[in-house]
């Protein structure tokens, strides 16, 4: 993720701009949803989330660069494993909510 941010910020290429745009505009992000619902932060979220529904287990994951309006950047990675065959975005969103409260408390 550090290399992705470095590439997108330092390269002036069309590809780097497209990559950052894709990460910013991806549809589903439990991290972004948690920040939107449960904090008063002003931010952008560039992320890649993913899910897996297997026969015996499932996962729900989200990795994001959270950039606060004051320029601070945080890397938030939440990887979960669930027993059973369904993923649970509520689990990821709950973890993201608790982590994001730390952002609010740091000057």
Protein backbone atom coordinates (compact mmCIF):
# COMPACT_ATOMS: atom_id res chain seq x y z
CA UNK A 1 0.00 0.00 0.00
CA UNK A 2 2.86 2.37 0.71
CA UNK A 3 4.21 1.73 -2.77
CA UNK A 4 0.77 2.29 -4.31
CA UNK A 5 0.45 5.66 -2.57
CA UNK A 6 3.99 6.60 -3.52
CA UNK A 7 3.35 5.68 -7.16
CA UNK A 8 0.05 7.54 -7.32
CA UNK A 9 1.41 10.68 -5.65
CA UNK A 10 4.78 10.89 -7.37
CA UNK A 11 4.01 9.67 -10.87
CA UNK A 12 2.33 12.06 -13.24
CA UNK A 13 1.22 9.26 -15.51
CA UNK A 14 -2.27 8.59 -16.77
CA UNK A 15 -2.03 5.10 -15.28
CA UNK A 16 -1.29 6.36 -11.76
CA UNK A 17 -4.18 8.81 -11.93
CA UNK A 18 -6.50 6.06 -13.17
CA UNK A 19 -5.38 3.69 -10.40
CA UNK A 20 -6.02 6.29 -7.68
CA UNK A 21 -9.40 7.15 -9.20
CA UNK A 22 -10.39 3.47 -9.20
CA UNK A 23 -9.36 3.08 -5.54
CA UNK A 24 -11.27 6.23 -4.56
CA UNK A 25 -14.44 5.34 -6.45
CA UNK A 26 -14.77 1.61 -5.77
CA UNK A 27 -18.36 0.92 -4.76
CA UNK A 28 -18.25 -1.08 -1.56
CA UNK A 29 -16.04 -0.19 1.40
CA UNK A 30 -16.93 -1.14 4.97
CA UNK A 31 -14.14 1.20 6.14
CA UNK A 32 -15.57 4.17 4.21
CA UNK A 33 -19.09 3.27 5.36
CA UNK A 34 -18.02 3.20 9.01
CA UNK A 35 -16.28 6.56 8.75
CA UNK A 36 -19.33 8.08 7.05
CA UNK A 37 -21.82 6.71 9.59
CA UNK A 38 -19.99 6.93 12.89
CA UNK A 39 -17.47 9.80 12.76
CA UNK A 40 -17.41 13.51 12.06
CA UNK A 41 -14.11 13.23 10.21
CA UNK A 42 -13.52 14.86 6.85
CA UNK A 43 -11.58 12.37 4.73
CA UNK A 44 -11.10 10.45 1.52
CA UNK A 45 -10.81 6.67 1.35
CA UNK A 46 -8.84 4.89 -1.36
CA UNK A 47 -9.48 1.19 -0.88
CA UNK A 48 -9.77 -2.34 -2.14
CA UNK A 49 -12.24 -4.61 -0.44
CA UNK A 50 -12.97 -8.27 -1.05
CA UNK A 51 -15.11 -11.17 0.07
CA UNK A 52 -15.10 -14.91 -0.17
CA UNK A 53 -18.02 -17.25 0.42
CA UNK A 54 -16.72 -20.76 0.69
CA UNK A 55 -18.54 -23.92 1.61
CA UNK A 56 -17.07 -23.98 5.13
CA UNK A 57 -15.81 -20.46 5.72
CA UNK A 58 -16.09 -16.90 4.54
CA UNK A 59 -14.05 -13.73 4.70
CA UNK A 60 -14.76 -10.04 4.54
CA UNK A 61 -11.77 -7.75 4.08
CA UNK A 62 -11.04 -4.12 3.35
CA UNK A 63 -7.72 -2.30 2.96
CA UNK A 64 -7.69 1.49 2.73
CA UNK A 65 -5.61 4.61 2.75
CA UNK A 66 -7.61 7.09 4.80
CA UNK A 67 -6.53 10.66 4.09
CA UNK A 68 -7.84 13.25 6.53
CA UNK A 69 -8.48 16.78 5.31
CA UNK A 70 -5.44 18.00 7.27
CA UNK A 71 -3.25 15.74 5.09
CA UNK A 72 -2.57 12.94 7.58
CA UNK A 73 -2.72 9.50 6.01
CA UNK A 74 -3.52 6.24 7.74
CA UNK A 75 -3.34 2.73 6.39
CA UNK A 76 -6.23 0.66 7.70
CA UNK A 77 -6.29 -3.05 6.92
CA UNK A 78 -9.03 -5.29 8.26
CA UNK A 79 -8.96 -8.99 7.40
CA UNK A 80 -11.53 -11.33 8.92
CA UNK A 81 -12.33 -15.00 8.76
CA UNK A 82 -15.77 -16.36 9.51
CA UNK A 83 -16.88 -19.85 10.17
CA UNK A 84 -19.90 -20.63 8.07
CA UNK A 85 -20.50 -19.72 4.48
CA UNK A 86 -21.24 -16.00 4.55
CA UNK A 87 -19.15 -12.90 4.89
CA UNK A 88 -20.12 -10.15 7.28
CA UNK A 89 -19.47 -6.51 6.39
CA UNK A 90 -20.87 -5.51 9.78
CA UNK A 91 -17.85 -7.10 11.45
CA UNK A 92 -15.42 -5.12 9.29
CA UNK A 93 -17.46 -1.95 9.71
CA UNK A 94 -17.47 -2.35 13.50
CA UNK A 95 -13.69 -2.78 13.60
CA UNK A 96 -13.24 0.22 11.30
CA UNK A 97 -15.47 2.34 13.55
CA UNK A 98 -13.36 1.59 16.60
CA UNK A 99 -10.10 2.21 14.75
CA UNK A 100 -11.37 5.48 13.26
CA UNK A 101 -12.13 6.84 16.73
CA UNK A 102 -8.36 6.92 17.23
CA UNK A 103 -8.08 9.28 14.23
CA UNK A 104 -10.46 11.70 15.95
CA UNK A 105 -8.41 11.70 19.15
CA UNK A 106 -5.01 12.34 17.53
CA UNK A 107 -3.98 15.94 16.89
